[in-house]
Amino acid sequence: MERIILIETSTSLCSAALAEDAKIVSFKKSSEPHAHASMTAPFVKEMLDDRGLAVKDCSAVCVSKGPGSYTGLRVGVSTAKGLCFGAGIPLISVGTLDTLVWQAIDGGLLPDGCKYVVPMIDARRMEVYTGVFSPDGHQVSPTVAQVVDGETFASRLSEGPVLFIGDGAEKCKDVIASPNAYFEQCCPKASSMLHPAVEAFRARKFEDVAYFEPFYLKEFIATVSKHKIF
């Protein structure tokens, strides 16, 4: 049986899912703040225990590779690597934007006549991590860190309905003024990684467990606390 553990920790939502023969059979999630490190591994254990399975009974582990939260991605990738090392199974990665696109497709969220899907991961102020996808899930523009204004997606919107989806969608609603713009505020879920994960597994697109790193898109910048400790 083809059995894949799915882990998604790139945003404020921490989630994990278990797929068997291209169907989701278990799903766990938590939006509790800063819970990724404490919840990710227990979610996997709970799902496997409920079905009487061990990690070694699985075919692969799939993890979100980003872009997204630096800390969240580190937790997810570290957990996935540990599971793969311990059980001797391959590692798969799926882009966060791809997950959001398939969340829209599988969730029936595409507007009638949809021309494009634009996933948006919240960065800061009016900046998002984004790219443009066709409504069948193929990426048609590169993943970028984009400061959004009224003209950013004007050419795409002139062609017809566009769905903006992700935890960065709502903040762009006021500046993207078009009757062709549709917005879905949500975080990516592990269960929505199913299609690209299965596709990657069957194509044997595995990552190097020892050297794989998340796709941060932008370098992590540490800040100095304004509060004096001493």
Protein backbone atom coordinates (compact mmCIF):
# COMPACT_ATOMS: atom_id res chain seq x y z
CA MET A 1 0.00 0.00 0.00
CA GLU A 2 1.18 3.50 -0.87
CA ARG A 3 1.13 5.36 2.45
CA ILE A 4 2.45 8.94 2.86
CA ILE A 5 2.76 11.11 5.98
CA LEU A 6 2.03 14.78 5.16
CA ILE A 7 3.35 17.66 7.30
CA GLU A 8 2.43 21.35 6.85
CA THR A 9 3.92 23.95 9.23
CA SER A 10 4.68 26.93 6.99
CA THR A 11 2.15 29.35 8.53
CA SER A 12 0.27 29.81 11.82
CA LEU A 13 -1.67 26.57 11.24
CA CYS A 14 0.16 23.39 12.21
CA SER A 15 -1.26 20.30 10.53
CA ALA A 16 -0.47 16.73 9.58
CA ALA A 17 -2.30 14.13 7.52
CA LEU A 18 -1.97 10.50 6.49
CA ALA A 19 -2.69 9.36 2.95
CA GLU A 20 -3.29 5.78 1.85
CA ASP A 21 -3.50 4.98 -1.86
CA ALA A 22 -4.05 8.66 -2.73
CA LYS A 23 -6.80 9.23 -0.15
CA ILE A 24 -6.63 11.15 3.12
CA VAL A 25 -7.48 8.78 5.97
CA SER A 26 -6.46 10.94 8.94
CA PHE A 27 -5.97 14.67 9.59
CA LYS A 28 -4.84 16.70 12.60
CA LYS A 29 -4.52 20.46 12.97
CA SER A 30 -3.94 23.20 15.54
CA SER A 31 -3.96 26.97 15.23
CA GLU A 32 -2.66 27.40 18.78
CA PRO A 33 0.12 30.05 18.71
CA HIS A 34 3.71 28.75 18.70
CA ALA A 35 2.53 25.14 18.89
CA HIS A 36 4.42 23.75 15.89
CA ALA A 37 7.37 22.36 17.84
CA SER A 38 5.18 20.69 20.45
CA MET A 39 2.38 19.43 18.19
CA THR A 40 3.87 18.23 14.89
CA ALA A 41 5.48 14.96 16.02
CA PRO A 42 2.60 14.07 18.40
CA PHE A 43 0.11 14.58 15.54
CA VAL A 44 2.02 12.04 13.42
CA LYS A 45 2.21 9.57 16.29
CA GLU A 46 -1.51 9.89 17.05
CA MET A 47 -2.49 9.27 13.43
CA LEU A 48 -0.28 6.20 13.14
CA ASP A 49 -1.28 4.81 16.56
CA ASP A 50 -4.97 5.13 15.68
CA ARG A 51 -4.40 2.86 12.67
CA GLY A 52 -1.99 0.48 14.38
CA LEU A 53 0.94 1.60 12.26
CA ALA A 54 4.58 2.59 12.71
CA VAL A 55 6.55 5.09 10.62
CA LYS A 56 8.34 2.19 8.91
CA ASP A 57 4.97 1.05 7.55
CA CYS A 58 4.79 4.23 5.48
CA SER A 59 6.17 4.76 1.98
CA ALA A 60 7.43 8.34 2.43
CA VAL A 61 7.15 11.56 4.40
CA CYS A 62 6.11 14.74 2.60
CA VAL A 63 6.83 18.17 4.10
CA SER A 64 6.06 21.73 3.09
CA LYS A 65 9.25 23.30 1.74
CA GLY A 66 8.09 26.93 1.81
CA PRO A 67 8.08 29.78 1.41
CA GLY A 68 6.61 30.71 4.77
CA SER A 69 7.49 31.14 8.42
CA TYR A 70 11.19 30.55 9.06
CA THR A 71 10.55 28.85 12.41
CA GLY A 72 7.57 26.86 11.17
CA LEU A 73 9.45 25.52 8.18
CA ARG A 74 12.42 24.52 10.35
CA VAL A 75 10.15 22.57 12.69
CA GLY A 76 8.39 20.75 9.87
CA VAL A 77 11.54 19.87 7.96
CA SER A 78 13.39 18.75 11.10
CA THR A 79 10.49 16.50 12.09
CA ALA A 80 10.20 15.03 8.59
CA LYS A 81 13.94 14.36 8.39
CA GLY A 82 13.89 12.61 11.75
CA LEU A 83 11.06 10.35 10.67
CA CYS A 84 12.78 9.52 7.38
CA PHE A 85 16.16 8.83 9.00
CA GLY A 86 14.63 6.64 11.69
CA ALA A 87 12.47 4.56 9.37
CA GLY A 88 14.70 4.59 6.29
CA ILE A 89 12.00 5.98 4.02
CA PRO A 90 12.25 8.76 1.39
CA LEU A 91 11.52 12.46 1.84
CA ILE A 92 9.25 14.45 -0.48
CA SER A 93 8.78 18.22 -0.47
CA VAL A 94 5.86 20.30 -1.75
CA GLY A 95 5.82 24.06 -2.20
CA THR A 96 3.49 26.00 0.09
CA LEU A 97 1.99 27.83 -2.88
CA ASP A 98 1.21 24.52 -4.60
CA THR A 99 -0.60 23.36 -1.47
CA LEU A 100 -2.80 26.47 -1.46
CA VAL A 101 -3.61 26.03 -5.14
CA TRP A 102 -4.72 22.44 -4.61
CA GLN A 103 -6.67 23.54 -1.54
CA ALA A 104 -8.64 25.78 -3.89
CA ILE A 105 -9.05 23.10 -6.59
CA ASP A 106 -10.00 20.22 -4.27
CA GLY A 107 -12.14 22.46 -2.08
CA GLY A 108 -14.27 23.70 -4.97
CA LEU A 109 -13.21 27.29 -4.33
CA LEU A 110 -12.48 28.31 -7.92
CA PRO A 111 -14.88 30.96 -9.24
CA ASP A 112 -16.74 30.22 -12.48
CA GLY A 113 -14.51 30.85 -15.47
CA CYS A 114 -11.41 31.15 -13.28
CA LYS A 115 -8.36 32.19 -15.29
CA TYR A 116 -5.70 32.15 -12.55
CA VAL A 117 -5.11 31.14 -8.95
CA VAL A 118 -2.78 33.40 -6.98
CA PRO A 119 -1.70 31.90 -3.64
CA MET A 120 -0.46 34.44 -1.07
CA ILE A 121 1.61 33.76 2.03
CA ASP A 122 1.66 36.74 4.38
CA ALA A 123 5.08 38.37 4.75
CA ARG A 124 5.03 41.88 6.23
CA ARG A 125 3.05 45.04 5.60
CA MET A 126 1.76 44.74 2.01
CA GLU A 127 4.29 42.08 1.02
CA VAL A 128 3.36 38.48 0.23
CA TYR A 129 5.11 35.39 -1.07
CA THR A 130 3.23 34.59 -4.24
CA GLY A 131 3.14 33.22 -7.76
CA VAL A 132 0.55 32.74 -10.49
CA PHE A 133 -0.98 29.35 -11.31
CA SER A 134 -3.40 28.10 -13.92
CA PRO A 135 -6.69 26.66 -12.58
CA ASP A 136 -5.41 23.13 -13.22
CA GLY A 137 -2.51 23.61 -10.80
CA HIS A 138 0.41 24.50 -13.08
CA GLN A 139 2.66 27.42 -12.09
CA VAL A 140 2.90 30.07 -14.81
CA SER A 141 5.05 32.70 -13.05
CA PRO A 142 7.97 32.41 -10.61
CA THR A 143 7.59 32.43 -6.83
CA VAL A 144 8.49 35.92 -5.59
CA ALA A 145 8.29 38.22 -2.57
CA GLN A 146 5.87 40.85 -3.90
CA VAL A 147 4.75 44.19 -2.50
CA VAL A 148 1.14 44.40 -3.65
CA ASP A 149 -0.50 47.56 -5.01
CA GLY A 150 -3.46 48.26 -7.28
CA GLU A 151 -1.53 47.46 -10.46
CA THR A 152 0.29 44.30 -9.37
CA PHE A 153 -2.14 41.80 -10.93
CA ALA A 154 -4.01 44.17 -13.25
CA SER A 155 -3.07 42.35 -16.46
CA ARG A 156 -4.17 38.97 -15.06
CA LEU A 157 -7.45 40.42 -13.79
CA SER A 158 -8.19 41.93 -17.19
CA GLU A 159 -8.41 38.38 -18.59
CA GLY A 160 -11.13 37.17 -16.23
CA PRO A 161 -11.77 35.85 -12.69
CA VAL A 162 -8.72 35.39 -10.44
CA LEU A 163 -8.78 33.66 -7.04
CA PHE A 164 -6.40 35.05 -4.39
CA ILE A 165 -5.98 32.45 -1.64
CA GLY A 166 -3.89 32.20 1.52
CA ASP A 167 -3.23 33.94 4.81
CA GLY A 168 -2.06 37.02 2.86
CA ALA A 169 -5.19 37.33 0.72
CA GLU A 170 -7.44 39.39 3.00
CA LYS A 171 -4.97 42.24 3.52
CA CYS A 172 -4.73 42.72 -0.26
CA LYS A 173 -8.48 42.99 -0.72
CA ASP A 174 -8.60 46.77 -0.33
CA VAL A 175 -5.85 47.49 -2.87
CA ILE A 176 -6.86 44.95 -5.54
CA ALA A 177 -10.06 46.63 -6.71
CA SER A 178 -11.55 44.55 -9.51
CA PRO A 179 -14.84 42.72 -10.06
CA ASN A 180 -12.74 39.78 -11.27
CA ALA A 181 -10.90 39.45 -7.95
CA TYR A 182 -12.04 36.74 -5.51
CA PHE A 183 -10.47 36.26 -2.08
CA GLU A 184 -10.17 33.25 0.22
CA GLN A 185 -8.40 33.90 3.53
CA CYS A 186 -6.96 30.63 4.85
CA CYS A 187 -3.80 28.78 5.82
CA PRO A 188 -2.42 25.81 3.86
CA LYS A 189 -3.44 22.40 5.21
CA ALA A 190 -1.50 19.14 5.16
CA SER A 191 -4.45 17.33 3.56
CA SER A 192 -4.20 19.64 0.53
CA MET A 193 -0.65 18.41 -0.13
CA LEU A 194 -2.12 15.11 -1.33
CA HIS A 195 -2.11 15.58 -5.11
CA PRO A 196 1.43 17.00 -5.52
CA ALA A 197 2.79 14.57 -2.90
CA VAL A 198 1.39 11.51 -4.68
CA GLU A 199 2.61 12.85 -8.02
CA ALA A 200 6.12 13.38 -6.64
CA PHE A 201 6.19 9.95 -4.98
CA ARG A 202 5.17 8.11 -8.14
CA ALA A 203 7.76 10.07 -10.15
CA ARG A 204 10.34 9.23 -7.44
CA LYS A 205 11.16 12.91 -6.92
CA PHE A 206 12.82 12.43 -3.55
CA GLU A 207 14.91 14.92 -1.58
CA ASP A 208 18.32 14.24 -0.07
CA VAL A 209 17.40 13.69 3.57
CA ALA A 210 20.80 14.81 4.82
CA TYR A 211 21.08 18.06 2.86
CA PHE A 212 17.52 19.22 2.14
CA GLU A 213 16.75 22.75 3.33
CA PRO A 214 13.48 24.71 3.20
CA PHE A 215 12.91 27.34 0.53
CA TYR A 216 12.83 30.53 2.60
CA LEU A 217 12.80 32.90 -0.42
CA LYS A 218 14.12 35.67 1.84
CA GLU A 219 16.94 35.44 4.35
CA PHE A 220 15.95 35.25 8.00
CA ILE A 221 16.73 38.51 9.78
CA ALA A 222 17.17 38.40 13.54
CA THR A 223 16.12 41.52 15.43
CA VAL A 224 17.44 42.94 18.66
CA SER A 225 14.97 43.06 21.52
CA LYS A 226 14.04 46.54 22.73
CA HIS A 227 13.64 45.19 26.24
CA LYS A 228 16.74 45.21 28.43
CA ILE A 229 17.48 41.95 30.20
CA PHE A 230 19.97 43.44 32.64
